[in-house]
Amino acid sequence: MQKKDGSNDKDLRVDRFEPGADLGPIEDRQEYENRVNALPDNERQLAQELSRFADLCQYFEREKVDVPAEIIEELGRTARLPIARRLEAMKKLNQRLMECLPDVGDDSRIRQ
């Protein structure tokens, strides 16, 4: 059923995020790269920054360190921005998050 904003009920289904669905997780790294590279330039750059953010958050989780609350709050506000401004905001958030990386030992190759 088409709605006034051009969307339909299919666009709102949660099962679209399930494995194998059009918005589900992509296990194959090559398929992920192909999809990202097929995006328009701004969207491709944004997808890459969002992936970096997710990777950083996974690292924090593995190290059992909480992502700072102010970064999470800013992420929520960033999601409402137009793509070009969201891209710049995500770059800044990634930089701030990297500055919060915990030291993982003297042999760390992340913080030098």
PDB file of N, CA and C in Angstrom:
ATOM      1  N   MET A   1       0.837  -1.175   0.000  1.00  0.00           N
ATOM      2  CA  MET A   1       0.000   0.000   0.000  1.00  0.00           C
ATOM      3  C   MET A   1       0.885   1.243   0.000  1.00  0.00           C
ATOM      4  N   GLN A   2       0.711   2.115  -0.992  1.00  0.00           N
ATOM      5  CA  GLN A   2       1.499   3.342  -1.139  1.00  0.00           C
ATOM      6  C   GLN A   2       0.999   4.400  -0.155  1.00  0.00           C
ATOM      7  N   LYS A   3       1.939   5.089   0.496  1.00  0.00           N
ATOM      8  CA  LYS A   3       1.594   6.154   1.434  1.00  0.00           C
ATOM      9  C   LYS A   3       1.899   7.503   0.806  1.00  0.00           C
ATOM     10  N   LYS A   4       1.461   8.578   1.457  1.00  0.00           N
ATOM     11  CA  LYS A   4       1.648   9.927   0.924  1.00  0.00           C
ATOM     12  C   LYS A   4       3.113  10.283   0.707  1.00  0.00           C
ATOM     13  N   ASP A   5       4.011   9.765   1.574  1.00  0.00           N
ATOM     14  CA  ASP A   5       5.429  10.107   1.448  1.00  0.00           C
ATOM     15  C   ASP A   5       6.164   9.243   0.425  1.00  0.00           C
ATOM     16  N   GLY A   6       5.449   8.371  -0.280  1.00  0.00           N
ATOM     17  CA  GLY A   6       6.048   7.528  -1.304  1.00  0.00           C
ATOM     18  C   GLY A   6       6.487   6.173  -0.791  1.00  0.00           C
ATOM     19  N   SER A   7       6.470   5.978   0.524  1.00  0.00           N
ATOM     20  CA  SER A   7       6.852   4.682   1.077  1.00  0.00           C
ATOM     21  C   SER A   7       5.648   3.760   1.073  1.00  0.00           C
ATOM     22  N   ASN A   8       5.898   2.508   1.381  1.00  0.00           N
ATOM     23  CA  ASN A   8       4.795   1.565   1.518  1.00  0.00           C
ATOM     24  C   ASN A   8       5.062   0.672   2.720  1.00  0.00           C
ATOM     25  N   ASP A   9       4.097  -0.186   3.044  1.00  0.00           N
ATOM     26  CA  ASP A   9       4.224  -1.046   4.217  1.00  0.00           C
ATOM     27  C   ASP A   9       5.444  -1.958   4.124  1.00  0.00           C
ATOM     28  N   LYS A  10       5.809  -2.357   2.909  1.00  0.00           N
ATOM     29  CA  LYS A  10       6.973  -3.216   2.733  1.00  0.00           C
ATOM     30  C   LYS A  10       8.234  -2.518   3.255  1.00  0.00           C
ATOM     31  N   ASP A  11       8.348  -1.195   3.048  1.00  0.00           N
ATOM     32  CA  ASP A  11       9.517  -0.447   3.487  1.00  0.00           C
ATOM     33  C   ASP A  11       9.655  -0.453   5.006  1.00  0.00           C
ATOM     34  N   LEU A  12       8.584  -0.669   5.735  1.00  0.00           N
ATOM     35  CA  LEU A  12       8.586  -0.576   7.191  1.00  0.00           C
ATOM     36  C   LEU A  12       8.726  -1.923   7.889  1.00  0.00           C
ATOM     37  N   ARG A  13       8.783  -3.009   7.147  1.00  0.00           N
ATOM     38  CA  ARG A  13       8.854  -4.340   7.756  1.00  0.00           C
ATOM     39  C   ARG A  13      10.200  -4.549   8.434  1.00  0.00           C
ATOM     40  N   VAL A  14      10.153  -5.041   9.650  1.00  0.00           N
ATOM     41  CA  VAL A  14      11.359  -5.301  10.423  1.00  0.00           C
ATOM     42  C   VAL A  14      12.136  -6.482   9.842  1.00  0.00           C
ATOM     43  N   ASP A  15      11.451  -7.420   9.226  1.00  0.00           N
ATOM     44  CA  ASP A  15      12.138  -8.605   8.711  1.00  0.00           C
ATOM     45  C   ASP A  15      13.086  -8.281   7.558  1.00  0.00           C
ATOM     46  N   ARG A  16      13.067  -7.064   7.050  1.00  0.00           N
ATOM     47  CA  ARG A  16      14.016  -6.655   6.016  1.00  0.00           C
ATOM     48  C   ARG A  16      15.438  -6.615   6.561  1.00  0.00           C
ATOM     49  N   PHE A  17      15.598  -6.610   7.893  1.00  0.00           N
ATOM     50  CA  PHE A  17      16.909  -6.550   8.527  1.00  0.00           C
ATOM     51  C   PHE A  17      17.426  -7.934   8.923  1.00  0.00           C
ATOM     52  N   GLU A  18      16.663  -8.970   8.609  1.00  0.00           N
ATOM     53  CA  GLU A  18      17.060 -10.340   8.921  1.00  0.00           C
ATOM     54  C   GLU A  18      18.127 -10.828   7.938  1.00  0.00           C
ATOM     55  N   PRO A  19      18.950 -11.812   8.327  1.00  0.00           N
ATOM     56  CA  PRO A  19      19.940 -12.370   7.402  1.00  0.00           C
ATOM     57  C   PRO A  19      19.277 -12.827   6.098  1.00  0.00           C
ATOM     58  N   GLY A  20      19.881 -12.454   4.992  1.00  0.00           N
ATOM     59  CA  GLY A  20      19.364 -12.823   3.676  1.00  0.00           C
ATOM     60  C   GLY A  20      18.393 -11.816   3.089  1.00  0.00           C
ATOM     61  N   ALA A  21      17.847 -10.920   3.903  1.00  0.00           N
ATOM     62  CA  ALA A  21      16.913  -9.901   3.412  1.00  0.00           C
ATOM     63  C   ALA A  21      17.707  -8.740   2.814  1.00  0.00           C
ATOM     64  N   ASP A  22      17.008  -7.843   2.117  1.00  0.00           N
ATOM     65  CA  ASP A  22      17.703  -6.762   1.402  1.00  0.00           C
ATOM     66  C   ASP A  22      18.490  -5.821   2.315  1.00  0.00           C
ATOM     67  N   LEU A  23      18.100  -5.672   3.581  1.00  0.00           N
ATOM     68  CA  LEU A  23      18.831  -4.818   4.513  1.00  0.00           C
ATOM     69  C   LEU A  23      19.517  -5.614   5.622  1.00  0.00           C
ATOM     70  N   GLY A  24      19.575  -6.918   5.461  1.00  0.00           N
ATOM     71  CA  GLY A  24      20.181  -7.792   6.461  1.00  0.00           C
ATOM     72  C   GLY A  24      21.691  -7.709   6.466  1.00  0.00           C
ATOM     73  N   PRO A  25      22.302  -8.331   7.460  1.00  0.00           N
ATOM     74  CA  PRO A  25      23.765  -8.322   7.542  1.00  0.00           C
ATOM     75  C   PRO A  25      24.390  -9.040   6.351  1.00  0.00           C
ATOM     76  N   ILE A  26      25.562  -8.596   5.960  1.00  0.00           N
ATOM     77  CA  ILE A  26      26.278  -9.191   4.839  1.00  0.00           C
ATOM     78  C   ILE A  26      27.516  -9.880   5.410  1.00  0.00           C
ATOM     79  N   GLU A  27      27.542 -11.193   5.314  1.00  0.00           N
ATOM     80  CA  GLU A  27      28.660 -11.960   5.862  1.00  0.00           C
ATOM     81  C   GLU A  27      29.866 -11.969   4.932  1.00  0.00           C
ATOM     82  N   ASP A  28      29.628 -11.944   3.640  1.00  0.00           N
ATOM     83  CA  ASP A  28      30.695 -12.014   2.649  1.00  0.00           C
ATOM     84  C   ASP A  28      31.307 -10.631   2.453  1.00  0.00           C
ATOM     85  N   ARG A  29      32.583 -10.488   2.796  1.00  0.00           N
ATOM     86  CA  ARG A  29      33.253  -9.184   2.723  1.00  0.00           C
ATOM     87  C   ARG A  29      33.252  -8.629   1.295  1.00  0.00           C
ATOM     88  N   GLN A  30      33.425  -9.504   0.292  1.00  0.00           N
ATOM     89  CA  GLN A  30      33.446  -9.052  -1.094  1.00  0.00           C
ATOM     90  C   GLN A  30      32.077  -8.513  -1.512  1.00  0.00           C
ATOM     91  N   GLU A  31      31.005  -9.181  -1.098  1.00  0.00           N
ATOM     92  CA  GLU A  31      29.658  -8.690  -1.410  1.00  0.00           C
ATOM     93  C   GLU A  31      29.427  -7.329  -0.755  1.00  0.00           C
ATOM     94  N   TYR A  32      29.886  -7.189   0.495  1.00  0.00           N
ATOM     95  CA  TYR A  32      29.758  -5.907   1.194  1.00  0.00           C
ATOM     96  C   TYR A  32      30.487  -4.816   0.407  1.00  0.00           C
ATOM     97  N   GLU A  33      31.734  -5.073   0.023  1.00  0.00           N
ATOM     98  CA  GLU A  33      32.518  -4.094  -0.726  1.00  0.00           C
ATOM     99  C   GLU A  33      31.835  -3.732  -2.043  1.00  0.00           C
ATOM    100  N   ASN A  34      31.288  -4.722  -2.722  1.00  0.00           N
ATOM    101  CA  ASN A  34      30.597  -4.469  -3.986  1.00  0.00           C
ATOM    102  C   ASN A  34      29.386  -3.563  -3.787  1.00  0.00           C
ATOM    103  N   ARG A  35      28.619  -3.827  -2.736  1.00  0.00           N
ATOM    104  CA  ARG A  35      27.436  -2.989  -2.464  1.00  0.00           C
ATOM    105  C   ARG A  35      27.838  -1.559  -2.102  1.00  0.00           C
ATOM    106  N   VAL A  36      28.846  -1.427  -1.278  1.00  0.00           N
ATOM    107  CA  VAL A  36      29.297  -0.093  -0.869  1.00  0.00           C
ATOM    108  C   VAL A  36      29.830   0.666  -2.074  1.00  0.00           C
ATOM    109  N   ASN A  37      30.641   0.011  -2.885  1.00  0.00           N
ATOM    110  CA  ASN A  37      31.239   0.675  -4.046  1.00  0.00           C
ATOM    111  C   ASN A  37      30.203   1.052  -5.105  1.00  0.00           C
ATOM    112  N   ALA A  38      29.046   0.415  -5.085  1.00  0.00           N
ATOM    113  CA  ALA A  38      27.988   0.728  -6.048  1.00  0.00           C
ATOM    114  C   ALA A  38      27.189   1.968  -5.649  1.00  0.00           C
ATOM    115  N   LEU A  39      27.385   2.450  -4.434  1.00  0.00           N
ATOM    116  CA  LEU A  39      26.641   3.612  -3.953  1.00  0.00           C
ATOM    117  C   LEU A  39      27.183   4.904  -4.567  1.00  0.00           C
ATOM    118  N   PRO A  40      26.341   5.940  -4.634  1.00  0.00           N
ATOM    119  CA  PRO A  40      26.844   7.265  -5.033  1.00  0.00           C
ATOM    120  C   PRO A  40      27.939   7.707  -4.053  1.00  0.00           C
ATOM    121  N   ASP A  41      28.830   8.581  -4.484  1.00  0.00           N
ATOM    122  CA  ASP A  41      30.023   8.947  -3.724  1.00  0.00           C
ATOM    123  C   ASP A  41      29.743   9.330  -2.277  1.00  0.00           C
ATOM    124  N   ASN A  42      28.822  10.268  -2.025  1.00  0.00           N
ATOM    125  CA  ASN A  42      28.521  10.685  -0.647  1.00  0.00           C
ATOM    126  C   ASN A  42      28.030   9.517   0.201  1.00  0.00           C
ATOM    127  N   GLU A  43      27.145   8.710  -0.371  1.00  0.00           N
ATOM    128  CA  GLU A  43      26.603   7.568   0.369  1.00  0.00           C
ATOM    129  C   GLU A  43      27.683   6.521   0.617  1.00  0.00           C
ATOM    130  N   ARG A  44      28.584   6.322  -0.335  1.00  0.00           N
ATOM    131  CA  ARG A  44      29.689   5.371  -0.179  1.00  0.00           C
ATOM    132  C   ARG A  44      30.600   5.815   0.965  1.00  0.00           C
ATOM    133  N   GLN A  45      30.946   7.099   0.967  1.00  0.00           N
ATOM    134  CA  GLN A  45      31.801   7.617   2.036  1.00  0.00           C
ATOM    135  C   GLN A  45      31.125   7.496   3.395  1.00  0.00           C
ATOM    136  N   LEU A  46      29.821   7.780   3.434  1.00  0.00           N
ATOM    137  CA  LEU A  46      29.084   7.653   4.688  1.00  0.00           C
ATOM    138  C   LEU A  46      29.058   6.195   5.154  1.00  0.00           C
ATOM    139  N   ALA A  47      28.817   5.269   4.247  1.00  0.00           N
ATOM    140  CA  ALA A  47      28.812   3.841   4.602  1.00  0.00           C
ATOM    141  C   ALA A  47      30.167   3.426   5.170  1.00  0.00           C
ATOM    142  N   GLN A  48      31.238   3.933   4.599  1.00  0.00           N
ATOM    143  CA  GLN A  48      32.573   3.611   5.100  1.00  0.00           C
ATOM    144  C   GLN A  48      32.794   4.180   6.495  1.00  0.00           C
ATOM    145  N   GLU A  49      32.354   5.401   6.733  1.00  0.00           N
ATOM    146  CA  GLU A  49      32.502   6.000   8.072  1.00  0.00           C
ATOM    147  C   GLU A  49      31.640   5.259   9.099  1.00  0.00           C
ATOM    148  N   LEU A  50      30.446   4.877   8.696  1.00  0.00           N
ATOM    149  CA  LEU A  50      29.578   4.120   9.605  1.00  0.00           C
ATOM    150  C   LEU A  50      30.184   2.761   9.923  1.00  0.00           C
ATOM    151  N   SER A  51      30.827   2.143   8.936  1.00  0.00           N
ATOM    152  CA  SER A  51      31.508   0.864   9.174  1.00  0.00           C
ATOM    153  C   SER A  51      32.667   1.034  10.146  1.00  0.00           C
ATOM    154  N   ARG A  52      33.413   2.117  10.003  1.00  0.00           N
ATOM    155  CA  ARG A  52      34.511   2.398  10.934  1.00  0.00           C
ATOM    156  C   ARG A  52      33.977   2.562  12.355  1.00  0.00           C
ATOM    157  N   PHE A  53      32.862   3.280  12.461  1.00  0.00           N
ATOM    158  CA  PHE A  53      32.252   3.482  13.779  1.00  0.00           C
ATOM    159  C   PHE A  53      31.847   2.137  14.386  1.00  0.00           C
ATOM    160  N   ALA A  54      31.224   1.291  13.583  1.00  0.00           N
ATOM    161  CA  ALA A  54      30.807  -0.028  14.071  1.00  0.00           C
ATOM    162  C   ALA A  54      32.014  -0.855  14.487  1.00  0.00           C
ATOM    163  N   ASP A  55      33.086  -0.805  13.707  1.00  0.00           N
ATOM    164  CA  ASP A  55      34.304  -1.543  14.050  1.00  0.00           C
ATOM    165  C   ASP A  55      34.883  -1.047  15.368  1.00  0.00           C
ATOM    166  N   LEU A  56      34.908   0.263  15.554  1.00  0.00           N
ATOM    167  CA  LEU A  56      35.411   0.821  16.807  1.00  0.00           C
ATOM    168  C   LEU A  56      34.550   0.394  17.989  1.00  0.00           C
ATOM    169  N   CYS A  57      33.232   0.405  17.797  1.00  0.00           N
ATOM    170  CA  CYS A  57      32.325  -0.018  18.874  1.00  0.00           C
ATOM    171  C   CYS A  57      32.535  -1.497  19.213  1.00  0.00           C
ATOM    172  N   GLN A  58      32.776  -2.317  18.195  1.00  0.00           N
ATOM    173  CA  GLN A  58      33.054  -3.737  18.454  1.00  0.00           C
ATOM    174  C   GLN A  58      34.346  -3.900  19.242  1.00  0.00           C
ATOM    175  N   TYR A  59      35.338  -3.091  18.920  1.00  0.00           N
ATOM    176  CA  TYR A  59      36.593  -3.139  19.671  1.00  0.00           C
ATOM    177  C   TYR A  59      36.347  -2.775  21.138  1.00  0.00           C
ATOM    178  N   PHE A  60      35.592  -1.702  21.374  1.00  0.00           N
ATOM    179  CA  PHE A  60      35.272  -1.307  22.744  1.00  0.00           C
ATOM    180  C   PHE A  60      34.561  -2.443  23.472  1.00  0.00           C
ATOM    181  N   GLU A  61      33.646  -3.097  22.777  1.00  0.00           N
ATOM    182  CA  GLU A  61      32.912  -4.206  23.400  1.00  0.00           C
ATOM    183  C   GLU A  61      33.854  -5.352  23.761  1.00  0.00           C
ATOM    184  N   ARG A  62      34.752  -5.703  22.849  1.00  0.00           N
ATOM    185  CA  ARG A  62      35.712  -6.784  23.129  1.00  0.00           C
ATOM    186  C   ARG A  62      36.594  -6.450  24.329  1.00  0.00           C
ATOM    187  N   GLU A  63      36.942  -5.174  24.472  1.00  0.00           N
ATOM    188  CA  GLU A  63      37.783  -4.736  25.580  1.00  0.00           C
ATOM    189  C   GLU A  63      36.971  -4.459  26.841  1.00  0.00           C
ATOM    190  N   LYS A  64      35.652  -4.659  26.747  1.00  0.00           N
ATOM    191  CA  LYS A  64      34.732  -4.437  27.874  1.00  0.00           C
ATOM    192  C   LYS A  64      34.825  -2.999  28.402  1.00  0.00           C
ATOM    193  N   VAL A  65      34.819  -2.058  27.438  1.00  0.00           N
ATOM    194  CA  VAL A  65      34.855  -0.633  27.746  1.00  0.00           C
ATOM    195  C   VAL A  65      33.614   0.005  27.135  1.00  0.00           C
ATOM    196  N   ASP A  66      32.929   0.825  27.902  1.00  0.00           N
ATOM    197  CA  ASP A  66      31.736   1.501  27.394  1.00  0.00           C
ATOM    198  C   ASP A  66      32.110   2.633  26.449  1.00  0.00           C
ATOM    199  N   VAL A  67      31.351   2.756  25.377  1.00  0.00           N
ATOM    200  CA  VAL A  67      31.487   3.913  24.502  1.00  0.00           C
ATOM    201  C   VAL A  67      30.951   5.106  25.292  1.00  0.00           C
ATOM    202  N   PRO A  68      31.675   6.226  25.317  1.00  0.00           N
ATOM    203  CA  PRO A  68      31.207   7.382  26.094  1.00  0.00           C
ATOM    204  C   PRO A  68      29.783   7.810  25.718  1.00  0.00           C
ATOM    205  N   ALA A  69      28.995   8.087  26.727  1.00  0.00           N
ATOM    206  CA  ALA A  69      27.583   8.436  26.530  1.00  0.00           C
ATOM    207  C   ALA A  69      27.405   9.642  25.618  1.00  0.00           C
ATOM    208  N   GLU A  70      28.295  10.626  25.716  1.00  0.00           N
ATOM    209  CA  GLU A  70      28.133  11.819  24.872  1.00  0.00           C
ATOM    210  C   GLU A  70      28.323  11.488  23.394  1.00  0.00           C
ATOM    211  N   ILE A  71      29.116  10.482  23.089  1.00  0.00           N
ATOM    212  CA  ILE A  71      29.284  10.072  21.691  1.00  0.00           C
ATOM    213  C   ILE A  71      28.019   9.374  21.196  1.00  0.00           C
ATOM    214  N   ILE A  72      27.427   8.559  22.033  1.00  0.00           N
ATOM    215  CA  ILE A  72      26.176   7.878  21.664  1.00  0.00           C
ATOM    216  C   ILE A  72      25.063   8.901  21.459  1.00  0.00           C
ATOM    217  N   GLU A  73      24.989   9.891  22.345  1.00  0.00           N
ATOM    218  CA  GLU A  73      23.967  10.935  22.202  1.00  0.00           C
ATOM    219  C   GLU A  73      24.161  11.714  20.907  1.00  0.00           C
ATOM    220  N   GLU A  74      25.401  12.040  20.596  1.00  0.00           N
ATOM    221  CA  GLU A  74      25.693  12.772  19.361  1.00  0.00           C
ATOM    222  C   GLU A  74      25.354  11.930  18.140  1.00  0.00           C
ATOM    223  N   LEU A  75      25.590  10.638  18.223  1.00  0.00           N
ATOM    224  CA  LEU A  75      25.242   9.734  17.124  1.00  0.00           C
ATOM    225  C   LEU A  75      23.750   9.801  16.833  1.00  0.00           C
ATOM    226  N   GLY A  76      22.936   9.854  17.871  1.00  0.00           N
ATOM    227  CA  GLY A  76      21.489   9.958  17.692  1.00  0.00           C
ATOM    228  C   GLY A  76      21.090  11.229  16.955  1.00  0.00           C
ATOM    229  N   ARG A  77      21.746  12.322  17.283  1.00  0.00           N
ATOM    230  CA  ARG A  77      21.452  13.585  16.594  1.00  0.00           C
ATOM    231  C   ARG A  77      21.968  13.559  15.155  1.00  0.00           C
ATOM    232  N   THR A  78      23.089  12.926  14.945  1.00  0.00           N
ATOM    233  CA  THR A  78      23.697  12.837  13.620  1.00  0.00           C
ATOM    234  C   THR A  78      22.799  12.094  12.640  1.00  0.00           C
ATOM    235  N   ALA A  79      22.075  11.119  13.113  1.00  0.00           N
ATOM    236  CA  ALA A  79      21.232  10.293  12.242  1.00  0.00           C
ATOM    237  C   ALA A  79      20.151  11.104  11.529  1.00  0.00           C
ATOM    238  N   ARG A  80      19.828  12.267  12.044  1.00  0.00           N
ATOM    239  CA  ARG A  80      18.762  13.086  11.449  1.00  0.00           C
ATOM    240  C   ARG A  80      19.290  14.105  10.428  1.00  0.00           C
ATOM    241  N   LEU A  81      20.593  14.168  10.261  1.00  0.00           N
ATOM    242  CA  LEU A  81      21.193  15.160   9.364  1.00  0.00           C
ATOM    243  C   LEU A  81      21.151  14.705   7.903  1.00  0.00           C
ATOM    244  N   PRO A  82      21.206  15.652   6.970  1.00  0.00           N
ATOM    245  CA  PRO A  82      21.357  15.281   5.561  1.00  0.00           C
ATOM    246  C   PRO A  82      22.696  14.553   5.368  1.00  0.00           C
ATOM    247  N   ILE A  83      22.804  13.777   4.317  1.00  0.00           N
ATOM    248  CA  ILE A  83      23.965  12.907   4.120  1.00  0.00           C
ATOM    249  C   ILE A  83      25.297  13.652   4.193  1.00  0.00           C
ATOM    250  N   ALA A  84      25.425  14.780   3.522  1.00  0.00           N
ATOM    251  CA  ALA A  84      26.709  15.493   3.508  1.00  0.00           C
ATOM    252  C   ALA A  84      27.122  15.928   4.920  1.00  0.00           C
ATOM    253  N   ARG A  85      26.191  16.446   5.676  1.00  0.00           N
ATOM    254  CA  ARG A  85      26.502  16.868   7.057  1.00  0.00           C
ATOM    255  C   ARG A  85      26.705  15.662   7.968  1.00  0.00           C
ATOM    256  N   ARG A  86      25.957  14.581   7.719  1.00  0.00           N
ATOM    257  CA  ARG A  86      26.111  13.358   8.510  1.00  0.00           C
ATOM    258  C   ARG A  86      27.502  12.762   8.301  1.00  0.00           C
ATOM    259  N   LEU A  87      27.985  12.814   7.057  1.00  0.00           N
ATOM    260  CA  LEU A  87      29.322  12.303   6.756  1.00  0.00           C
ATOM    261  C   LEU A  87      30.377  13.044   7.573  1.00  0.00           C
ATOM    262  N   GLU A  88      30.314  14.365   7.584  1.00  0.00           N
ATOM    263  CA  GLU A  88      31.280  15.156   8.356  1.00  0.00           C
ATOM    264  C   GLU A  88      31.151  14.876   9.849  1.00  0.00           C
ATOM    265  N   ALA A  89      29.919  14.755  10.325  1.00  0.00           N
ATOM    266  CA  ALA A  89      29.703  14.479  11.745  1.00  0.00           C
ATOM    267  C   ALA A  89      30.255  13.103  12.127  1.00  0.00           C
ATOM    268  N   MET A  90      30.080  12.108  11.250  1.00  0.00           N
ATOM    269  CA  MET A  90      30.589  10.765  11.539  1.00  0.00           C
ATOM    270  C   MET A  90      32.113  10.745  11.554  1.00  0.00           C
ATOM    271  N   LYS A  91      32.739  11.511  10.678  1.00  0.00           N
ATOM    272  CA  LYS A  91      34.204  11.598  10.700  1.00  0.00           C
ATOM    273  C   LYS A  91      34.675  12.137  12.047  1.00  0.00           C
ATOM    274  N   LYS A  92      33.996  13.153  12.532  1.00  0.00           N
ATOM    275  CA  LYS A  92      34.360  13.740  13.828  1.00  0.00           C
ATOM    276  C   LYS A  92      34.095  12.763  14.970  1.00  0.00           C
ATOM    277  N   LEU A  93      32.972  12.057  14.913  1.00  0.00           N
ATOM    278  CA  LEU A  93      32.664  11.073  15.953  1.00  0.00           C
ATOM    279  C   LEU A  93      33.705   9.950  15.962  1.00  0.00           C
ATOM    280  N   ASN A  94      34.095   9.493  14.786  1.00  0.00           N
ATOM    281  CA  ASN A  94      35.116   8.449  14.715  1.00  0.00           C
ATOM    282  C   ASN A  94      36.432   8.932  15.310  1.00  0.00           C
ATOM    283  N   GLN A  95      36.790  10.169  15.019  1.00  0.00           N
ATOM    284  CA  GLN A  95      38.027  10.726  15.580  1.00  0.00           C
ATOM    285  C   GLN A  95      37.938  10.786  17.099  1.00  0.00           C
ATOM    286  N   ARG A  96      36.817  11.274  17.607  1.00  0.00           N
ATOM    287  CA  ARG A  96      36.641  11.350  19.067  1.00  0.00           C
ATOM    288  C   ARG A  96      36.683   9.964  19.698  1.00  0.00           C
ATOM    289  N   LEU A  97      36.060   8.995  19.039  1.00  0.00           N
ATOM    290  CA  LEU A  97      36.038   7.638  19.570  1.00  0.00           C
ATOM    291  C   LEU A  97      37.447   7.039  19.573  1.00  0.00           C
ATOM    292  N   MET A  98      38.216   7.317  18.526  1.00  0.00           N
ATOM    293  CA  MET A  98      39.596   6.818  18.490  1.00  0.00           C
ATOM    294  C   MET A  98      40.436   7.431  19.603  1.00  0.00           C
ATOM    295  N   GLU A  99      40.154   8.671  19.941  1.00  0.00           N
ATOM    296  CA  GLU A  99      40.878   9.310  21.029  1.00  0.00           C
ATOM    297  C   GLU A  99      40.546   8.684  22.375  1.00  0.00           C
ATOM    298  N   CYS A 100      39.436   7.984  22.457  1.00  0.00           N
ATOM    299  CA  CYS A 100      39.016   7.322  23.696  1.00  0.00           C
ATOM    300  C   CYS A 100      39.477   5.870  23.778  1.00  0.00           C
ATOM    301  N   LEU A 101      40.133   5.382  22.711  1.00  0.00           N
ATOM    302  CA  LEU A 101      40.554   3.984  22.713  1.00  0.00           C
ATOM    303  C   LEU A 101      41.356   3.668  23.963  1.00  0.00           C
ATOM    304  N   PRO A 102      41.001   2.575  24.610  1.00  0.00           N
ATOM    305  CA  PRO A 102      41.769   2.200  25.801  1.00  0.00           C
ATOM    306  C   PRO A 102      43.129   1.639  25.396  1.00  0.00           C
ATOM    307  N   ASP A 103      44.124   1.892  26.224  1.00  0.00           N
ATOM    308  CA  ASP A 103      45.428   1.266  26.000  1.00  0.00           C
ATOM    309  C   ASP A 103      45.269  -0.219  26.282  1.00  0.00           C
ATOM    310  N   VAL A 104      45.773  -1.044  25.388  1.00  0.00           N
ATOM    311  CA  VAL A 104      45.623  -2.486  25.568  1.00  0.00           C
ATOM    312  C   VAL A 104      46.947  -3.143  25.945  1.00  0.00           C
ATOM    313  N   GLY A 105      47.930  -2.354  26.292  1.00  0.00           N
ATOM    314  CA  GLY A 105      49.212  -2.903  26.721  1.00  0.00           C
ATOM    315  C   GLY A 105      50.362  -2.174  26.060  1.00  0.00           C
ATOM    316  N   ASP A 106      51.550  -2.504  26.506  1.00  0.00           N
ATOM    317  CA  ASP A 106      52.740  -1.843  25.978  1.00  0.00           C
ATOM    318  C   ASP A 106      53.001  -2.170  24.516  1.00  0.00           C
ATOM    319  N   ASP A 107      52.558  -3.338  24.067  1.00  0.00           N
ATOM    320  CA  ASP A 107      52.821  -3.748  22.690  1.00  0.00           C
ATOM    321  C   ASP A 107      51.712  -3.331  21.737  1.00  0.00           C
ATOM    322  N   SER A 108      50.840  -2.446  22.177  1.00  0.00           N
ATOM    323  CA  SER A 108      49.720  -2.004  21.334  1.00  0.00           C
ATOM    324  C   SER A 108      50.208  -1.342  20.068  1.00  0.00           C
ATOM    325  N   ARG A 109      49.631  -1.745  18.930  1.00  0.00           N
ATOM    326  CA  ARG A 109      49.957  -1.114  17.667  1.00  0.00           C
ATOM    327  C   ARG A 109      48.935  -0.046  17.319  1.00  0.00           C
ATOM    328  N   ILE A 110      47.884   0.085  18.112  1.00  0.00           N
ATOM    329  CA  ILE A 110      46.846   1.075  17.829  1.00  0.00           C
ATOM    330  C   ILE A 110      47.290   2.440  18.322  1.00  0.00           C
ATOM    331  N   ARG A 111      47.742   2.508  19.541  1.00  0.00           N
ATOM    332  CA  ARG A 111      48.188   3.777  20.127  1.00  0.00           C
ATOM    333  C   ARG A 111      49.698   3.769  20.179  1.00  0.00           C
ATOM    334  N   GLN A 112      50.312   4.642  19.420  1.00  0.00           N
ATOM    335  CA  GLN A 112      51.771   4.700  19.422  1.00  0.00           C
ATOM    336  C   GLN A 112      52.248   6.098  19.707  1.00  0.00           C
TER     337      GLN A 112
END
